[in-house]
Amino acid sequence: MAAGRNRLRRYRRAWVRHAILLAWTFFIVFPLYWMLSTSFKDAGEWVSWPPHWYPHDFTMHNYRQIFSFSVLGEELARGATDQAFTIWKALGDSLLICAVASFIALVLGVFLAYAISRFAVGGSKFRHIILTIRMVPPIVIAIPILMYYAIMIPFTTEVLFGARIILFDTYFGLGALYVATTLPFVIWMMLSFIDEVPYTLEHAARMMGAGRMYTLRRVVLPLVASGLVVTYLFVFILNWSEFLLALTLTHPEVTTLPVLLNKFQSASEGRLYGPQAAIGTVITIPVVVLGVLIQKHLIKGFSFGMIRK
């Protein structure tokens, strides 16, 4: 009898855990489904009541609209240019800035992580302290960086060099900020992979006459190749989905996809939920695909080496 009661309790606990996980999964997945279904709905179904749980009049108009090179109609905010509301430009800007900034952050982060791992640069606690830089909310630095970009740098460079250097609304300005904000993540993740490389391999290479850079390039990096790929993709996802800094520091020359998503609204017509859902789907698909590909490696990267192969 006691064994039967214990078994019944275990079954009940298992059912409760599964029910909670199922409810949480629904809570997470349903907004994605609603965004995807809305992207295929006609304008009359965006805010209909009772809601249409799936597209009754399946249409690709929202996708044709956002991928059009022409102005998207009077429903957009007045004063907008063709270029500002073209997803092709936003897609190109996002790919360029995110790809280059992620690569630069990866290169710098690998050298810094190697120095911390092998030479204990900054002390034993530095690897933990450096992550606190990224814990600062973006809103805290957005306005100071805006003032620095728009006022301090142009004024200082004009006084010192006789030429104004503009970082506001430029690829270089936004990309440099992306590098600075994602560098702690690169260091944090690469430390876990570099720490696993036995130092004896490097010592053997040094004994055979290899220099420090040659050892890093030909011994260490090949052994952490998977970590390099995972770290790059993770940082790329962070930059790809970043909104606040891009919104604050760009207008109108540089437009990323999250910023473009925010522009699909109008005082006269209301929010354009269909095009917004279509753009949201375009933004989300790479994030979901890359997240599925690197999820197993992220656990190892965020564990500070506590989880070994």
Protein backbone atom coordinates (compact mmCIF):
# COMPACT_ATOMS: atom_id res chain seq x y z
CA MET A 1 0.00 0.00 0.00
CA ALA A 2 2.78 2.42 0.93
CA ALA A 3 4.61 1.66 -2.31
CA GLY A 4 1.42 2.27 -4.29
CA ARG A 5 0.86 5.63 -2.58
CA ASN A 6 4.46 6.68 -3.25
CA ARG A 7 4.10 5.73 -6.90
CA LEU A 8 0.87 7.70 -7.13
CA ARG A 9 2.57 10.76 -5.62
CA ARG A 10 5.39 10.52 -8.15
CA TYR A 11 2.89 10.31 -10.99
CA ARG A 12 1.02 13.33 -9.67
CA ARG A 13 4.23 15.33 -9.32
CA ALA A 14 5.25 14.35 -12.82
CA TRP A 15 1.86 15.42 -14.19
CA VAL A 16 2.11 18.75 -12.35
CA ARG A 17 5.61 19.38 -13.73
CA HIS A 18 4.52 18.50 -17.25
CA ALA A 19 1.44 20.69 -16.94
CA ILE A 20 3.56 23.65 -15.81
CA LEU A 21 6.06 23.10 -18.63
CA LEU A 22 3.23 22.79 -21.14
CA ALA A 23 1.64 26.03 -19.92
CA TRP A 24 4.99 27.81 -20.03
CA THR A 25 5.67 26.52 -23.55
CA PHE A 26 2.27 27.79 -24.70
CA PHE A 27 2.99 31.15 -23.06
CA ILE A 28 6.27 31.43 -25.00
CA VAL A 29 5.22 29.96 -28.35
CA PHE A 30 1.77 31.52 -28.77
CA PRO A 31 3.04 35.10 -29.43
CA LEU A 32 5.31 33.69 -32.15
CA TYR A 33 2.38 31.84 -33.70
CA TRP A 34 0.19 34.94 -33.50
CA MET A 35 2.87 37.05 -35.19
CA LEU A 36 3.31 34.47 -37.95
CA SER A 37 -0.43 34.10 -38.55
CA THR A 38 -0.97 37.87 -38.52
CA SER A 39 1.66 38.27 -41.22
CA PHE A 40 -0.63 36.26 -43.55
CA LYS A 41 -3.87 38.01 -42.58
CA ASP A 42 -5.73 40.68 -44.49
CA ALA A 43 -6.14 44.13 -42.89
CA GLY A 44 -9.68 43.34 -41.79
CA GLU A 45 -8.48 40.44 -39.63
CA TRP A 46 -5.69 42.22 -37.73
CA VAL A 47 -7.90 43.53 -34.91
CA SER A 48 -11.17 41.71 -35.55
CA TRP A 49 -13.37 40.57 -32.67
CA PRO A 50 -13.77 37.76 -32.01
CA PRO A 51 -10.20 37.21 -33.11
CA HIS A 52 -9.37 35.00 -36.07
CA TRP A 53 -7.07 32.32 -34.71
CA TYR A 54 -5.77 31.60 -38.20
CA PRO A 55 -5.86 33.54 -41.50
CA HIS A 56 -9.32 33.15 -43.07
CA ASP A 57 -8.26 35.07 -46.18
CA PHE A 58 -4.67 33.90 -46.61
CA THR A 59 -2.64 36.63 -48.29
CA MET A 60 0.99 37.46 -49.06
CA HIS A 61 0.20 41.16 -49.38
CA ASN A 62 2.06 42.08 -46.19
CA TYR A 63 5.27 40.48 -47.43
CA ARG A 64 4.89 42.02 -50.88
CA GLN A 65 4.38 45.36 -49.20
CA ILE A 66 7.48 45.29 -47.01
CA PHE A 67 9.71 43.97 -49.80
CA SER A 68 8.52 46.61 -52.25
CA PHE A 69 10.99 49.27 -53.36
CA SER A 70 8.22 51.87 -53.63
CA VAL A 71 6.70 54.04 -50.92
CA LEU A 72 4.31 51.97 -48.85
CA GLY A 73 1.36 54.32 -49.23
CA GLU A 74 -0.18 57.21 -47.37
CA GLU A 75 -0.72 55.04 -44.31
CA LEU A 76 2.92 55.55 -43.37
CA ALA A 77 4.02 58.52 -41.33
CA ARG A 78 4.33 61.70 -43.36
CA GLY A 79 7.75 62.82 -44.43
CA ALA A 80 9.11 59.30 -44.75
CA THR A 81 11.36 58.62 -47.70
CA ASP A 82 11.40 55.58 -49.95
CA GLN A 83 14.73 54.53 -48.52
CA ALA A 84 13.68 54.82 -44.88
CA PHE A 85 10.86 52.30 -45.24
CA THR A 86 12.53 49.83 -47.56
CA ILE A 87 13.27 46.55 -45.86
CA TRP A 88 16.07 45.83 -48.30
CA LYS A 89 18.12 48.73 -46.96
CA ALA A 90 17.35 47.79 -43.35
CA LEU A 91 18.25 44.18 -44.07
CA GLY A 92 21.53 45.22 -45.67
CA ASP A 93 22.36 47.61 -42.81
CA SER A 94 21.61 44.97 -40.18
CA LEU A 95 23.65 42.29 -41.94
CA LEU A 96 26.62 44.59 -42.51
CA ILE A 97 26.76 46.07 -39.02
CA CYS A 98 26.03 42.82 -37.16
CA ALA A 99 28.43 40.69 -39.21
CA VAL A 100 31.37 43.11 -39.01
CA ALA A 101 30.80 44.14 -35.37
CA SER A 102 30.43 40.50 -34.27
CA PHE A 103 33.65 39.52 -36.07
CA ILE A 104 35.64 42.39 -34.54
CA ALA A 105 34.27 41.61 -31.08
CA LEU A 106 35.21 37.95 -31.58
CA VAL A 107 38.79 38.76 -32.60
CA LEU A 108 39.32 41.15 -29.69
CA GLY A 109 37.56 38.84 -27.26
CA VAL A 110 39.70 35.83 -28.20
CA PHE A 111 42.92 37.70 -27.45
CA LEU A 112 41.56 39.08 -24.18
CA ALA A 113 40.17 35.71 -23.10
CA TYR A 114 43.50 34.04 -23.88
CA ALA A 115 45.37 36.64 -21.84
CA ILE A 116 43.01 36.20 -18.89
CA SER A 117 43.10 32.41 -19.10
CA ARG A 118 46.87 31.97 -19.47
CA PHE A 119 48.33 34.99 -17.68
CA ALA A 120 45.56 35.79 -15.12
CA VAL A 121 45.36 39.37 -16.36
CA GLY A 122 43.37 41.48 -13.90
CA GLY A 123 43.50 38.89 -11.14
CA SER A 124 41.45 35.80 -10.37
CA LYS A 125 38.18 37.74 -10.05
CA PHE A 126 38.55 39.77 -13.24
CA ARG A 127 36.76 37.21 -15.41
CA HIS A 128 33.68 37.61 -13.24
CA ILE A 129 33.95 41.38 -12.86
CA ILE A 130 34.18 42.02 -16.59
CA LEU A 131 30.69 40.60 -17.15
CA THR A 132 29.17 43.26 -14.90
CA ILE A 133 29.87 45.77 -17.68
CA ARG A 134 27.20 44.08 -19.80
CA MET A 135 24.72 44.02 -16.93
CA VAL A 136 24.21 47.78 -17.20
CA PRO A 137 20.82 48.42 -18.87
CA PRO A 138 21.20 49.95 -22.35
CA ILE A 139 18.93 52.88 -21.42
CA VAL A 140 21.55 54.00 -18.89
CA ILE A 141 24.22 54.53 -21.57
CA ALA A 142 22.00 55.44 -24.54
CA ILE A 143 21.59 59.16 -23.80
CA PRO A 144 25.21 59.76 -22.66
CA ILE A 145 26.49 58.00 -25.77
CA LEU A 146 24.12 60.09 -27.91
CA MET A 147 25.50 63.31 -26.42
CA TYR A 148 29.04 62.01 -26.82
CA TYR A 149 28.48 61.09 -30.47
CA ALA A 150 26.50 64.20 -31.45
CA ILE A 151 28.34 66.90 -29.46
CA MET A 152 31.60 65.91 -27.79
CA ILE A 153 33.36 64.03 -30.61
CA PRO A 154 32.52 66.51 -33.44
CA PHE A 155 33.49 69.49 -31.25
CA THR A 156 36.71 67.91 -29.92
CA THR A 157 37.93 66.66 -33.29
CA GLU A 158 37.22 70.02 -34.94
CA VAL A 159 39.23 71.85 -32.28
CA LEU A 160 42.15 69.42 -32.31
CA PHE A 161 42.33 68.36 -35.95
CA GLY A 162 40.30 70.96 -37.82
CA ALA A 163 37.84 68.34 -39.11
CA ARG A 164 34.60 67.12 -37.62
CA ILE A 165 34.34 63.36 -37.09
CA ILE A 166 30.71 62.27 -37.12
CA LEU A 167 29.71 59.04 -35.38
CA PHE A 168 25.98 59.70 -35.00
CA ASP A 169 23.89 57.89 -37.62
CA THR A 170 26.90 56.11 -39.14
CA TYR A 171 27.78 52.47 -39.62
CA PHE A 172 31.05 52.93 -37.78
CA GLY A 173 29.45 54.63 -34.78
CA LEU A 174 26.76 51.99 -34.26
CA GLY A 175 29.13 49.13 -35.04
CA ALA A 176 31.71 50.37 -32.54
CA LEU A 177 29.06 50.49 -29.83
CA TYR A 178 27.94 46.96 -30.70
CA VAL A 179 31.53 45.78 -30.33
CA ALA A 180 31.85 47.45 -26.93
CA THR A 181 28.57 46.05 -25.58
CA THR A 182 29.11 42.47 -26.78
CA LEU A 183 32.82 42.14 -26.00
CA PRO A 184 32.20 41.00 -22.38
CA PHE A 185 30.02 38.15 -23.66
CA VAL A 186 32.75 37.06 -26.09
CA ILE A 187 35.35 37.04 -23.33
CA TRP A 188 33.03 35.20 -20.96
CA MET A 189 32.18 32.45 -23.43
CA MET A 190 35.65 32.00 -24.93
CA LEU A 191 37.19 31.63 -21.49
CA SER A 192 35.23 28.41 -21.03
CA PHE A 193 36.60 26.96 -24.25
CA ILE A 194 40.20 28.16 -23.89
CA ASP A 195 40.45 26.90 -20.32
CA GLU A 196 39.79 23.39 -21.62
CA VAL A 197 42.84 23.42 -23.91
CA PRO A 198 45.67 21.66 -22.02
CA TYR A 199 48.57 24.00 -21.41
CA THR A 200 50.96 21.12 -22.04
CA LEU A 201 50.16 21.35 -25.76
CA GLU A 202 51.21 24.98 -25.85
CA HIS A 203 54.28 24.23 -23.76
CA ALA A 204 55.32 21.51 -26.22
CA ALA A 205 54.89 23.89 -29.14
CA ARG A 206 56.96 26.54 -27.35
CA MET A 207 59.69 24.01 -26.63
CA MET A 208 59.88 23.30 -30.38
CA GLY A 209 60.47 26.98 -31.09
CA ALA A 210 56.95 28.19 -31.85
CA GLY A 211 56.16 31.77 -30.91
CA ARG A 212 53.19 32.86 -28.82
CA MET A 213 51.12 34.02 -31.78
CA TYR A 214 51.95 30.91 -33.80
CA THR A 215 50.95 28.72 -30.87
CA LEU A 216 47.68 30.57 -30.47
CA ARG A 217 46.90 30.39 -34.17
CA ARG A 218 47.96 26.80 -34.89
CA VAL A 219 47.38 25.03 -31.55
CA VAL A 220 44.71 26.80 -29.50
CA LEU A 221 42.32 28.18 -32.11
CA PRO A 222 41.86 24.89 -34.01
CA LEU A 223 40.90 23.19 -30.74
CA VAL A 224 38.30 25.86 -29.90
CA ALA A 225 36.92 26.21 -33.44
CA SER A 226 33.44 25.16 -32.37
CA GLY A 227 33.54 27.73 -29.58
CA LEU A 228 34.50 30.45 -32.05
CA VAL A 229 31.54 29.63 -34.28
CA VAL A 230 29.08 29.42 -31.38
CA THR A 231 30.31 32.66 -29.81
CA TYR A 232 30.14 34.50 -33.12
CA LEU A 233 26.59 33.33 -33.79
CA PHE A 234 25.48 34.21 -30.26
CA VAL A 235 26.92 37.72 -30.50
CA PHE A 236 25.40 38.07 -33.96
CA ILE A 237 21.97 37.25 -32.49
CA LEU A 238 22.45 39.90 -29.79
CA ASN A 239 23.36 42.56 -32.33
CA TRP A 240 20.65 41.44 -34.77
CA SER A 241 17.87 41.92 -32.21
CA GLU A 242 19.22 45.09 -30.53
CA PHE A 243 16.72 47.96 -30.70
CA LEU A 244 17.23 50.75 -28.16
CA LEU A 245 20.78 51.77 -29.06
CA ALA A 246 20.05 51.60 -32.79
CA LEU A 247 16.90 53.70 -32.35
CA THR A 248 18.74 56.32 -30.30
CA LEU A 249 21.91 56.61 -32.39
CA THR A 250 20.60 56.36 -35.97
CA HIS A 251 18.31 58.50 -38.11
CA PRO A 252 17.75 58.34 -41.05
CA GLU A 253 20.90 57.19 -42.90
CA VAL A 254 21.31 53.92 -40.97
CA THR A 255 18.23 51.79 -40.33
CA THR A 256 18.33 48.34 -38.77
CA LEU A 257 15.44 45.88 -38.95
CA PRO A 258 14.18 46.42 -35.36
CA VAL A 259 14.14 50.19 -35.98
CA LEU A 260 12.29 49.70 -39.25
CA LEU A 261 9.74 47.57 -37.42
CA ASN A 262 8.99 50.48 -35.12
CA LYS A 263 8.33 52.83 -38.06
CA PHE A 264 5.34 50.91 -39.41
CA GLN A 265 2.73 53.01 -37.68
CA SER A 266 0.68 56.07 -38.52
CA ALA A 267 -1.40 58.58 -36.64
CA SER A 268 -4.16 58.40 -39.25
CA GLU A 269 -4.32 54.67 -39.95
CA GLY A 270 -3.05 53.21 -36.69
CA ARG A 271 -0.42 50.53 -36.37
CA LEU A 272 0.21 48.44 -39.46
CA TYR A 273 0.04 45.08 -37.72
CA GLY A 274 0.29 43.03 -40.89
CA PRO A 275 3.56 44.54 -42.19
CA GLN A 276 4.90 44.67 -38.64
CA ALA A 277 4.20 40.97 -38.20
CA ALA A 278 5.85 40.23 -41.55
CA ILE A 279 8.98 42.16 -40.60
CA GLY A 280 8.95 40.53 -37.16
CA THR A 281 8.87 37.13 -38.84
CA VAL A 282 11.80 38.08 -41.07
CA ILE A 283 13.76 39.21 -37.99
CA THR A 284 12.84 36.17 -35.90
CA ILE A 285 13.58 33.37 -38.37
CA PRO A 286 17.42 33.79 -38.30
CA VAL A 287 17.36 34.09 -34.50
CA VAL A 288 15.32 30.90 -34.08
CA VAL A 289 17.42 28.93 -36.57
CA LEU A 290 20.73 30.03 -35.07
CA GLY A 291 19.43 29.48 -31.54
CA VAL A 292 18.49 25.89 -32.33
CA LEU A 293 21.90 25.26 -33.91
CA ILE A 294 23.96 26.54 -30.97
CA GLN A 295 21.75 25.75 -27.97
CA LYS A 296 23.80 22.74 -26.87
CA HIS A 297 27.05 24.69 -26.97
CA LEU A 298 25.61 27.73 -25.15
CA ILE A 299 25.26 25.71 -21.94
CA LYS A 300 28.96 24.95 -22.03
CA GLY A 301 29.86 28.50 -22.96
CA PHE A 302 27.91 30.00 -20.06
CA SER A 303 29.10 27.48 -17.46
CA PHE A 304 32.62 28.91 -16.97
CA GLY A 305 33.98 25.47 -17.84
CA MET A 306 32.11 23.64 -15.07
CA ILE A 307 30.46 21.42 -17.70
CA ARG A 308 33.09 19.41 -19.53
CA LYS A 309 32.88 17.30 -22.62
